[in-house]
């Protein structure tokens, strides 16, 4: 009987190790605190058991205030095992959402710079880490300035970035998408970095609207994570969000919901992402999304998580 018990414990330990090994290492780079989609995307990241989150990195603008939001969300959901890293501050503009993190000091960011932190992790785990970027790519430019080959060490880079065949709100003409035009010079460098890149552009993100029925379900869930999203949504102060940033995360979690194509993409003046069909591909771009299925999976992930501080 004792021998059987030992064998059972050994098997359980083995399968725990296997499950842990199957988790995908990710780094998540975002501009939390401006549009509300970053909050939804961070919530998806930390509530996804498929991920081993190596760090949440704040990018562009008032990064110290962005970091306070991230720290509070991770602390209240019991995910303060994840380091928060402050990227280079590019301006000091104050967003209403910053009020949610104002004065929070129970969990603080680490002191390492964003570029150094990402480079360190990519070198520690070569070809194992998926880097997800859902904001302007200022941190990516800083990385490439320090080490032009660093991003090539990523297993893959998924980025909410660009507009290829469709503009905002499904407009038929491509737009200068915000994450590109906000730091155009960084975007030009990033697009030419030589890493394995997939872009979740407006062609697949602009469809993802979080309607009133889903907002009510999220409000009624009343968990630390959903309360955080709802509080930030209230401070955001508008009605129906488009969850652009969740799509970049979703492309990693649920690739069956999307189709992509290979292309050569460059950034031109004005912040436009242009495809050059005469050149060999340097990336993949999202082409279609099963919007209903994506939104259903997203809602279920938020409603069925049980993140709580013990």
Protein backbone atom coordinates (compact mmCIF):
# COMPACT_ATOMS: atom_id res chain seq x y z
CA UNK A 1 0.00 0.00 0.00
CA UNK A 2 2.83 2.37 0.93
CA UNK A 3 4.57 1.56 -2.37
CA UNK A 4 1.41 2.40 -4.34
CA UNK A 5 1.08 5.68 -2.47
CA UNK A 6 4.68 6.63 -3.29
CA UNK A 7 4.12 5.77 -6.95
CA UNK A 8 0.93 7.88 -7.01
CA UNK A 9 2.68 10.89 -5.46
CA UNK A 10 5.54 10.51 -7.95
CA UNK A 11 3.12 10.47 -10.87
CA UNK A 12 1.30 13.55 -9.59
CA UNK A 13 4.60 15.38 -9.23
CA UNK A 14 5.61 14.30 -12.73
CA UNK A 15 2.40 15.63 -14.29
CA UNK A 16 2.70 18.88 -12.35
CA UNK A 17 6.17 19.30 -13.80
CA UNK A 18 4.92 18.50 -17.29
CA UNK A 19 2.09 21.03 -16.98
CA UNK A 20 4.48 23.70 -15.69
CA UNK A 21 6.87 22.99 -18.55
CA UNK A 22 4.07 23.48 -21.07
CA UNK A 23 3.32 27.02 -19.95
CA UNK A 24 4.37 29.58 -22.52
CA UNK A 25 6.83 32.19 -21.23
CA UNK A 26 5.69 35.68 -22.17
CA UNK A 27 6.68 39.30 -21.66
CA UNK A 28 3.83 41.81 -21.86
CA UNK A 29 4.60 45.41 -22.91
CA UNK A 30 1.69 47.89 -22.71
CA UNK A 31 0.64 51.53 -22.25
CA UNK A 32 -1.87 50.83 -19.50
CA UNK A 33 -4.00 53.79 -18.44
CA UNK A 34 -4.89 55.54 -21.70
CA UNK A 35 -7.40 53.62 -23.81
CA UNK A 36 -9.17 51.00 -21.70
CA UNK A 37 -8.19 48.04 -23.88
CA UNK A 38 -4.81 47.72 -22.15
CA UNK A 39 -6.56 46.93 -18.87
CA UNK A 40 -8.65 44.23 -20.54
CA UNK A 41 -5.52 42.82 -22.19
CA UNK A 42 -3.54 42.73 -18.95
CA UNK A 43 -6.50 41.02 -17.27
CA UNK A 44 -6.47 38.39 -20.02
CA UNK A 45 -2.74 37.85 -19.62
CA UNK A 46 -2.78 37.31 -15.86
CA UNK A 47 -5.92 35.14 -15.90
CA UNK A 48 -4.58 32.76 -18.56
CA UNK A 49 -3.08 29.57 -17.06
CA UNK A 50 -1.37 28.90 -20.40
CA UNK A 51 1.11 31.70 -19.63
CA UNK A 52 4.20 31.96 -17.47
CA UNK A 53 4.35 35.76 -17.26
CA UNK A 54 7.97 36.87 -16.85
CA UNK A 55 7.08 40.53 -16.53
CA UNK A 56 4.63 43.36 -17.22
CA UNK A 57 6.47 46.27 -18.83
CA UNK A 58 5.02 49.77 -19.11
CA UNK A 59 5.66 51.74 -22.27
CA UNK A 60 5.30 55.29 -23.54
CA UNK A 61 4.03 58.42 -21.82
CA UNK A 62 3.74 58.65 -18.03
CA UNK A 63 5.15 55.20 -17.34
CA UNK A 64 5.51 55.57 -13.53
CA UNK A 65 1.76 56.23 -13.22
CA UNK A 66 1.00 53.37 -15.58
CA UNK A 67 3.10 51.13 -13.34
CA UNK A 68 1.02 52.02 -10.27
CA UNK A 69 -2.10 50.69 -12.02
CA UNK A 70 -0.31 47.48 -12.97
CA UNK A 71 1.06 47.01 -9.47
CA UNK A 72 -2.36 47.44 -7.85
CA UNK A 73 -4.05 45.06 -10.30
CA UNK A 74 -1.40 42.38 -9.77
CA UNK A 75 -1.42 42.82 -5.99
CA UNK A 76 -5.19 42.64 -5.58
CA UNK A 77 -5.44 39.55 -7.77
CA UNK A 78 -2.60 37.76 -5.99
CA UNK A 79 -0.33 37.98 -9.05
CA UNK A 80 2.40 40.06 -7.43
CA UNK A 81 4.74 37.20 -8.31
CA UNK A 82 5.01 39.01 -11.67
CA UNK A 83 7.61 41.81 -11.87
CA UNK A 84 6.41 45.24 -13.00
CA UNK A 85 8.95 47.21 -15.02
CA UNK A 86 8.83 50.94 -15.78
CA UNK A 87 9.75 51.88 -19.33
CA UNK A 88 11.24 55.19 -20.43
CA UNK A 89 8.94 58.10 -19.58
CA UNK A 90 8.18 60.06 -22.76
CA UNK A 91 5.73 62.59 -21.28
CA UNK A 92 4.01 63.39 -17.98
CA UNK A 93 0.41 63.63 -19.17
CA UNK A 94 -2.12 62.48 -16.58
CA UNK A 95 -4.97 60.11 -17.44
CA UNK A 96 -8.15 59.74 -15.40
CA UNK A 97 -7.36 56.04 -14.99
CA UNK A 98 -4.20 56.94 -13.09
CA UNK A 99 -6.46 57.85 -10.16
CA UNK A 100 -7.11 54.12 -9.67
CA UNK A 101 -3.45 53.50 -8.88
CA UNK A 102 -2.70 56.85 -7.23
CA UNK A 103 -0.86 56.42 -3.93
CA UNK A 104 -0.75 52.62 -4.15
CA UNK A 105 2.55 51.41 -2.67
CA UNK A 106 1.93 47.88 -1.34
CA UNK A 107 3.69 46.47 -4.38
CA UNK A 108 6.29 48.41 -6.36
CA UNK A 109 8.07 48.09 -9.70
CA UNK A 110 11.57 46.69 -9.88
CA UNK A 111 14.47 49.06 -10.57
CA UNK A 112 15.71 47.52 -13.81
CA UNK A 113 15.13 49.50 -17.00
CA UNK A 114 12.60 48.11 -19.46
CA UNK A 115 15.15 47.56 -22.22
CA UNK A 116 17.61 45.79 -19.90
CA UNK A 117 14.87 43.64 -18.39
CA UNK A 118 13.57 42.43 -21.74
CA UNK A 119 17.07 41.82 -23.14
CA UNK A 120 18.04 39.91 -20.00
CA UNK A 121 15.02 37.60 -20.26
CA UNK A 122 15.41 37.02 -23.99
CA UNK A 123 19.04 36.04 -23.45
CA UNK A 124 18.18 33.86 -20.47
CA UNK A 125 15.51 31.98 -22.45
CA UNK A 126 16.52 32.16 -26.14
CA UNK A 127 13.75 31.13 -28.55
CA UNK A 128 11.40 30.41 -25.61
CA UNK A 129 9.78 33.77 -24.87
CA UNK A 130 6.84 35.30 -26.73
CA UNK A 131 6.93 39.08 -26.48
CA UNK A 132 3.54 40.79 -26.73
CA UNK A 133 3.48 44.54 -27.36
CA UNK A 134 0.23 46.49 -27.30
CA UNK A 135 1.41 50.09 -27.11
CA UNK A 136 3.76 52.40 -28.97
CA UNK A 137 7.08 50.63 -29.43
CA UNK A 138 9.43 53.06 -27.66
CA UNK A 139 10.78 50.28 -25.45
CA UNK A 140 11.41 48.12 -28.52
CA UNK A 141 13.49 50.93 -30.07
CA UNK A 142 15.47 51.24 -26.83
CA UNK A 143 16.17 47.50 -26.92
CA UNK A 144 17.34 47.64 -30.52
CA UNK A 145 19.59 50.62 -29.79
CA UNK A 146 21.31 48.62 -27.03
CA UNK A 147 21.37 45.31 -28.88
CA UNK A 148 20.24 45.23 -32.54
CA UNK A 149 19.85 41.44 -32.45
CA UNK A 150 18.03 41.10 -29.12
CA UNK A 151 14.50 40.77 -30.48
CA UNK A 152 15.64 37.95 -32.78
CA UNK A 153 16.07 35.87 -29.60
CA UNK A 154 12.30 35.93 -29.02
CA UNK A 155 10.34 32.85 -29.99
CA UNK A 156 7.86 35.26 -31.57
CA UNK A 157 6.74 38.87 -31.22
CA UNK A 158 3.03 39.67 -31.42
CA UNK A 159 2.13 43.33 -31.68
CA UNK A 160 -1.10 45.34 -31.77
CA UNK A 161 0.23 47.49 -34.55
CA UNK A 162 -0.68 48.86 -37.93
CA UNK A 163 -3.47 49.18 -40.47
CA UNK A 164 -3.11 47.28 -43.71
CA UNK A 165 -6.39 46.94 -45.64
CA UNK A 166 -8.83 48.48 -43.18
CA UNK A 167 -8.96 51.56 -40.95
CA UNK A 168 -10.63 52.40 -37.65
CA UNK A 169 -14.25 51.24 -37.28
CA UNK A 170 -13.86 49.02 -40.35
CA UNK A 171 -13.23 52.00 -42.64
CA UNK A 172 -12.19 50.87 -46.14
CA UNK A 173 -9.02 53.01 -46.20
CA UNK A 174 -6.03 52.18 -43.93
CA UNK A 175 -5.32 54.67 -41.15
CA UNK A 176 -2.19 55.78 -39.35
CA UNK A 177 -2.73 53.44 -36.37
CA UNK A 178 -2.00 54.97 -32.96
CA UNK A 179 0.77 52.63 -31.78
CA UNK A 180 2.70 53.38 -34.96
CA UNK A 181 2.17 57.12 -35.26
CA UNK A 182 2.66 57.82 -31.53
CA UNK A 183 6.38 57.07 -31.95
CA UNK A 184 6.94 56.89 -35.67
CA UNK A 185 10.74 56.67 -35.53
CA UNK A 186 10.59 53.79 -33.06
CA UNK A 187 8.03 52.07 -35.30
CA UNK A 188 10.34 52.31 -38.32
CA UNK A 189 13.15 50.67 -36.38
CA UNK A 190 10.89 47.99 -34.93
CA UNK A 191 9.42 46.96 -38.29
CA UNK A 192 12.92 46.40 -39.66
CA UNK A 193 14.28 44.49 -36.64
CA UNK A 194 14.37 41.04 -38.25
CA UNK A 195 12.47 39.29 -35.44
CA UNK A 196 9.62 36.83 -36.02
CA UNK A 197 6.78 39.37 -36.06
CA UNK A 198 3.00 39.03 -36.25
CA UNK A 199 0.88 42.17 -36.35
CA UNK A 200 -2.64 42.37 -34.97
CA UNK A 201 -3.62 45.44 -36.97
CA UNK A 202 -6.91 47.25 -37.31
CA UNK A 203 -7.92 44.63 -39.90
CA UNK A 204 -8.64 42.20 -37.02
CA UNK A 205 -8.88 44.42 -33.94
CA UNK A 206 -11.42 47.06 -34.92
CA UNK A 207 -14.28 44.51 -34.84
CA UNK A 208 -13.86 43.62 -31.16
CA UNK A 209 -16.49 45.75 -29.39
CA UNK A 210 -17.32 45.13 -25.72
CA UNK A 211 -21.08 45.70 -25.67
CA UNK A 212 -23.44 46.60 -22.80
CA UNK A 213 -24.49 43.00 -22.12
CA UNK A 214 -20.89 41.90 -21.61
CA UNK A 215 -20.13 44.97 -19.52
CA UNK A 216 -23.05 44.09 -17.20
CA UNK A 217 -21.90 40.48 -16.83
CA UNK A 218 -18.41 41.68 -15.98
CA UNK A 219 -19.78 44.12 -13.41
CA UNK A 220 -21.93 41.45 -11.75
CA UNK A 221 -19.04 38.96 -11.47
CA UNK A 222 -17.57 40.95 -8.54
CA UNK A 223 -14.10 39.48 -8.32
CA UNK A 224 -10.87 41.44 -7.69
CA UNK A 225 -9.97 41.20 -11.39
CA UNK A 226 -13.36 42.16 -12.81
CA UNK A 227 -13.76 44.93 -10.22
CA UNK A 228 -10.41 46.34 -11.37
CA UNK A 229 -11.48 46.32 -15.02
CA UNK A 230 -14.85 47.89 -14.19
CA UNK A 231 -13.28 50.59 -12.04
CA UNK A 232 -10.83 51.53 -14.77
CA UNK A 233 -13.62 51.43 -17.37
CA UNK A 234 -15.62 53.94 -15.29
CA UNK A 235 -12.63 56.28 -15.09
CA UNK A 236 -12.08 55.89 -18.84
CA UNK A 237 -15.42 57.62 -19.16
CA UNK A 238 -16.70 56.46 -22.51
CA UNK A 239 -19.26 53.86 -23.52
CA UNK A 240 -18.36 50.95 -25.82
CA UNK A 241 -14.68 49.99 -25.83
CA UNK A 242 -12.90 48.42 -28.76
CA UNK A 243 -10.58 45.79 -27.28
CA UNK A 244 -7.76 46.18 -29.79
CA UNK A 245 -5.03 45.00 -27.42
CA UNK A 246 -6.79 41.81 -26.37
CA UNK A 247 -6.47 40.59 -29.95
CA UNK A 248 -2.66 40.45 -29.85
CA UNK A 249 -2.91 38.31 -26.71
CA UNK A 250 -5.68 36.24 -28.26
CA UNK A 251 -3.56 35.44 -31.30
CA UNK A 252 -1.19 33.60 -28.96
CA UNK A 253 -3.93 31.88 -26.95
CA UNK A 254 -6.41 31.02 -29.71
CA UNK A 255 -4.74 30.99 -33.15
CA UNK A 256 -7.67 28.99 -34.56
CA UNK A 257 -9.84 32.12 -34.38
CA UNK A 258 -7.63 34.00 -36.88
CA UNK A 259 -6.18 33.83 -40.34
CA UNK A 260 -2.90 35.53 -41.23
CA UNK A 261 -0.75 36.10 -44.27
CA UNK A 262 2.95 36.73 -44.76
CA UNK A 263 3.96 40.15 -46.03
CA UNK A 264 6.73 42.72 -46.17
CA UNK A 265 5.70 45.70 -44.06
CA UNK A 266 7.45 49.02 -43.69
CA UNK A 267 6.51 52.24 -41.89
CA UNK A 268 6.40 55.45 -43.90
CA UNK A 269 6.10 59.07 -42.87
CA UNK A 270 2.83 59.89 -41.16
CA UNK A 271 2.76 56.58 -39.29
CA UNK A 272 1.33 54.42 -42.05
CA UNK A 273 2.15 50.72 -42.35
CA UNK A 274 2.60 49.84 -46.00
CA UNK A 275 2.86 46.41 -47.65
CA UNK A 276 5.47 46.00 -50.40
CA UNK A 277 4.46 42.97 -52.47
CA UNK A 278 7.76 43.05 -54.38
CA UNK A 279 9.81 42.10 -51.33
CA UNK A 280 10.20 38.87 -49.38
CA UNK A 281 8.00 38.79 -46.24
CA UNK A 282 9.39 40.13 -42.97
CA UNK A 283 6.28 39.44 -40.85
CA UNK A 284 2.76 38.06 -40.73
CA UNK A 285 -0.35 40.20 -40.51
CA UNK A 286 -3.78 39.31 -39.16
CA UNK A 287 -6.35 39.11 -41.95
CA UNK A 288 -9.58 37.78 -40.41
CA UNK A 289 -11.05 37.13 -36.97
CA UNK A 290 -14.04 35.08 -35.84
CA UNK A 291 -15.28 37.96 -33.72
CA UNK A 292 -18.16 36.19 -31.98
CA UNK A 293 -16.05 33.23 -30.93
CA UNK A 294 -13.23 35.48 -29.77
CA UNK A 295 -15.54 37.61 -27.62
CA UNK A 296 -17.21 34.53 -26.11
CA UNK A 297 -13.85 33.04 -25.12
CA UNK A 298 -12.72 36.35 -23.72
CA UNK A 299 -15.86 36.75 -21.60
CA UNK A 300 -15.61 33.20 -20.28
CA UNK A 301 -11.98 33.72 -19.32
CA UNK A 302 -12.90 36.80 -17.26
CA UNK A 303 -15.96 35.21 -15.66
CA UNK A 304 -14.40 31.86 -14.73
CA UNK A 305 -11.08 33.08 -13.31
CA UNK A 306 -10.78 33.08 -9.53
CA UNK A 307 -7.77 35.31 -8.96
CA UNK A 308 -7.73 36.52 -5.38
CA UNK A 309 -5.14 37.59 -2.86
CA UNK A 310 -4.70 34.87 -0.22
